[in-house]
C-alpha atoms as a PDB file:
ATOM      1  CA  MET A   1      40.713 -37.913 -85.121  1.00  0.00           C
ATOM      2  CA  GLN A   2      37.205 -37.768 -86.532  1.00  0.00           C
ATOM      3  CA  LEU A   3      37.683 -34.302 -87.925  1.00  0.00           C
ATOM      4  CA  THR A   4      40.980 -35.178 -89.571  1.00  0.00           C
ATOM      5  CA  GLY A   5      39.451 -38.285 -91.125  1.00  0.00           C
ATOM      6  CA  LEU A   6      36.465 -36.285 -92.447  1.00  0.00           C
ATOM      7  CA  ALA A   7      38.688 -33.565 -93.806  1.00  0.00           C
ATOM      8  CA  HIS A   8      40.933 -35.956 -95.662  1.00  0.00           C
ATOM      9  CA  GLY A   9      38.531 -38.775 -96.505  1.00  0.00           C
ATOM     10  CA  PHE A  10      40.090 -41.626 -94.571  1.00  0.00           C
ATOM     11  CA  SER A  11      39.758 -43.439 -91.269  1.00  0.00           C
ATOM     12  CA  MET A  12      42.295 -42.039 -88.821  1.00  0.00           C
ATOM     13  CA  GLU A  13      41.801 -44.976 -86.530  1.00  0.00           C
ATOM     14  CA  LYS A  14      42.680 -47.460 -89.299  1.00  0.00           C
ATOM     15  CA  ALA A  15      45.688 -45.418 -90.393  1.00  0.00           C
ATOM     16  CA  TRP A  16      46.931 -45.288 -86.795  1.00  0.00           C
ATOM     17  CA  ALA A  17      46.458 -49.069 -86.344  1.00  0.00           C
ATOM     18  CA  ARG A  18      48.253 -49.712 -89.696  1.00  0.00           C
ATOM     19  CA  ALA A  19      51.155 -47.496 -88.555  1.00  0.00           C
ATOM     20  CA  VAL A  20      51.370 -49.261 -85.167  1.00  0.00           C
ATOM     21  CA  VAL A  21      50.897 -52.851 -86.385  1.00  0.00           C
ATOM     22  CA  ASP A  22      52.545 -52.806 -89.833  1.00  0.00           C
ATOM     23  CA  GLY A  23      54.890 -49.833 -89.440  1.00  0.00           C
ATOM     24  CA  ALA A  24      53.292 -48.371 -92.590  1.00  0.00           C
ATOM     25  CA  PHE A  25      52.006 -44.935 -93.503  1.00  0.00           C
ATOM     26  CA  ASP A  26      49.624 -44.796 -96.457  1.00  0.00           C
ATOM     27  CA  GLY A  27      49.358 -40.947 -96.616  1.00  0.00           C
ATOM     28  CA  PRO A  28      49.588 -38.114 -97.107  1.00  0.00           C
ATOM     29  CA  TRP A  29      45.954 -37.664 -98.054  1.00  0.00           C
ATOM     30  CA  PRO A  30      44.698 -34.538 -99.782  1.00  0.00           C
ATOM     31  CA  ARG A  31      42.374 -32.223 -97.871  1.00  0.00           C
ATOM     32  CA  LEU A  32      38.890 -32.644 -99.332  1.00  0.00           C
ATOM     33  CA  ARG A  33      36.919 -30.398 -97.040  1.00  0.00           C
ATOM     34  CA  SER A  34      37.005 -28.218 -93.972  1.00  0.00           C
ATOM     35  CA  THR A  35      35.548 -29.563 -90.752  1.00  0.00           C
ATOM     36  CA  GLY A  36      34.774 -28.230 -87.281  1.00  0.00           C
ATOM     37  CA  VAL A  37      32.935 -29.051 -84.080  1.00  0.00           C
ATOM     38  CA  ALA A  38      30.749 -26.908 -81.860  1.00  0.00           C
ATOM     39  CA  PHE A  39      30.531 -28.078 -78.259  1.00  0.00           C
ATOM     40  CA  LEU A  40      27.124 -27.496 -76.709  1.00  0.00           C
ATOM     41  CA  ARG A  41      27.075 -26.412 -73.069  1.00  0.00           C
ATOM     42  CA  GLY A  42      25.414 -23.769 -70.982  1.00  0.00           C
ATOM     43  CA  VAL A  43      26.226 -21.646 -67.941  1.00  0.00           C
ATOM     44  CA  GLY A  44      25.147 -22.740 -64.518  1.00  0.00           C
ATOM     45  CA  LYS A  45      24.603 -25.917 -62.543  1.00  0.00           C
ATOM     46  CA  GLY A  46      22.127 -28.737 -62.169  1.00  0.00           C
ATOM     47  CA  LYS A  47      20.392 -30.875 -64.778  1.00  0.00           C
ATOM     48  CA  ILE A  48      19.584 -29.901 -68.331  1.00  0.00           C
ATOM     49  CA  ALA A  49      16.146 -28.251 -68.232  1.00  0.00           C
ATOM     50  CA  SER A  50      15.944 -27.319 -71.950  1.00  0.00           C
ATOM     51  CA  VAL A  51      17.901 -27.122 -75.177  1.00  0.00           C
ATOM     52  CA  ASP A  52      16.663 -24.164 -77.219  1.00  0.00           C
ATOM     53  CA  GLY A  53      17.392 -23.254 -80.841  1.00  0.00           C
ATOM     54  CA  LEU A  54      18.085 -26.802 -82.166  1.00  0.00           C
ATOM     55  CA  SER A  55      15.431 -26.765 -84.920  1.00  0.00           C
ATOM     56  CA  GLU A  56      16.425 -23.224 -85.954  1.00  0.00           C
ATOM     57  CA  ALA A  57      20.122 -24.180 -86.147  1.00  0.00           C
ATOM     58  CA  GLN A  58      19.308 -27.386 -88.105  1.00  0.00           C
ATOM     59  CA  ALA A  59      17.278 -25.336 -90.601  1.00  0.00           C
ATOM     60  CA  ARG A  60      20.335 -23.094 -91.090  1.00  0.00           C
ATOM     61  CA  MET A  61      22.898 -25.902 -91.171  1.00  0.00           C
ATOM     62  CA  GLY A  62      21.176 -28.364 -93.479  1.00  0.00           C
ATOM     63  CA  PRO A  63      23.526 -30.796 -95.096  1.00  0.00           C
ATOM     64  CA  LEU A  64      26.638 -29.352 -93.371  1.00  0.00           C
ATOM     65  CA  VAL A  65      25.893 -31.431 -90.214  1.00  0.00           C
ATOM     66  CA  VAL A  66      27.626 -34.763 -90.530  1.00  0.00           C
ATOM     67  CA  ASP A  67      27.546 -35.975 -86.932  1.00  0.00           C
ATOM     68  CA  SER A  68      26.114 -34.934 -83.553  1.00  0.00           C
ATOM     69  CA  ARG A  69      25.479 -35.898 -80.029  1.00  0.00           C
ATOM     70  CA  LEU A  70      22.731 -33.613 -78.696  1.00  0.00           C
ATOM     71  CA  PRO A  71      22.193 -32.723 -75.061  1.00  0.00           C
ATOM     72  CA  LYS A  72      19.433 -34.727 -73.285  1.00  0.00           C
ATOM     73  CA  VAL A  73      16.922 -32.930 -71.055  1.00  0.00           C
ATOM     74  CA  GLY A  74      17.244 -34.295 -67.564  1.00  0.00           C
ATOM     75  CA  ALA A  75      20.907 -35.201 -67.832  1.00  0.00           C
ATOM     76  CA  PRO A  76      23.280 -33.789 -65.251  1.00  0.00           C
ATOM     77  CA  ARG A  77      25.663 -31.005 -66.263  1.00  0.00           C
ATOM     78  CA  ALA A  78      28.850 -32.516 -67.679  1.00  0.00           C
ATOM     79  CA  SER A  79      32.249 -31.750 -66.100  1.00  0.00           C
ATOM     80  CA  GLY A  80      34.371 -32.061 -69.252  1.00  0.00           C
ATOM     81  CA  TYR A  81      35.188 -29.410 -71.882  1.00  0.00           C
ATOM     82  CA  GLU A  82      33.015 -31.164 -74.396  1.00  0.00           C
ATOM     83  CA  GLY A  83      29.910 -30.081 -72.501  1.00  0.00           C
ATOM     84  CA  GLU A  84      26.564 -31.760 -72.939  1.00  0.00           C
ATOM     85  CA  GLY A  85      26.846 -32.454 -76.599  1.00  0.00           C
ATOM     86  CA  TRP A  86      28.396 -31.505 -79.924  1.00  0.00           C
ATOM     87  CA  VAL A  87      27.763 -30.926 -83.621  1.00  0.00           C
ATOM     88  CA  VAL A  88      30.245 -31.746 -86.361  1.00  0.00           C
ATOM     89  CA  VAL A  89      30.006 -29.808 -89.651  1.00  0.00           C
ATOM     90  CA  ALA A  90      31.920 -30.226 -92.964  1.00  0.00           C
ATOM     91  CA  ASP A  91      31.990 -28.546 -96.351  1.00  0.00           C
ATOM     92  CA  ARG A  92      34.440 -27.780 -99.134  1.00  0.00           C
ATOM     93  CA  ASP A  93      34.133 -24.080 -98.317  1.00  0.00           C
ATOM     94  CA  THR A  94      35.973 -23.083 -95.125  1.00  0.00           C
ATOM     95  CA  ALA A  95      33.895 -19.925 -94.789  1.00  0.00           C
ATOM     96  CA  ARG A  96      30.688 -21.934 -94.752  1.00  0.00           C
ATOM     97  CA  VAL A  97      32.076 -24.140 -91.990  1.00  0.00           C
ATOM     98  CA  LYS A  98      33.090 -21.087 -89.905  1.00  0.00           C
ATOM     99  CA  LYS A  99      29.651 -19.507 -90.423  1.00  0.00           C
ATOM    100  CA  ALA A 100      27.881 -22.789 -89.410  1.00  0.00           C
ATOM    101  CA  LEU A 101      29.968 -23.124 -86.246  1.00  0.00           C
ATOM    102  CA  PHE A 102      29.188 -19.480 -85.332  1.00  0.00           C
ATOM    103  CA  GLU A 103      25.491 -20.076 -85.997  1.00  0.00           C
ATOM    104  CA  LEU A 104      25.537 -23.121 -83.777  1.00  0.00           C
ATOM    105  CA  ILE A 105      27.238 -21.532 -80.774  1.00  0.00           C
ATOM    106  CA  THR A 106      25.108 -18.394 -80.948  1.00  0.00           C
ATOM    107  CA  THR A 107      21.739 -20.149 -81.597  1.00  0.00           C
ATOM    108  CA  VAL A 108      21.730 -23.271 -79.468  1.00  0.00           C
ATOM    109  CA  ARG A 109      21.267 -22.646 -75.753  1.00  0.00           C
ATOM    110  CA  VAL A 110      21.555 -25.356 -73.011  1.00  0.00           C
ATOM    111  CA  ARG A 111      19.727 -24.282 -69.901  1.00  0.00           C
ATOM    112  CA  TYR A 112      20.003 -25.904 -66.449  1.00  0.00           C
ATOM    113  CA  ALA A 113      17.629 -26.140 -63.506  1.00  0.00           C
END
């Protein structure tokens, strides 16, 4: 829901609530930008020992990052598909979003001990 709201410039939660409560739909909304999310997780078991590449990735991403939940050293390995954290990026240029997501998943490394 967050990515759809960012892409179209509205609150998906409010639109859903209005549809359920009032039976109204205020869309469609134009697509303003492309969005994507990179889930941060590593391979292995245990607790997070380190998260490498964050500063390098941030230097490359700059203003494309619009939201994040970064992995915390010492936290146990998560069992869900979202992993230990995530980074949301957005830009008017879809190619820039794709490149940013690729950079994130190839630069940031979550390691366990």
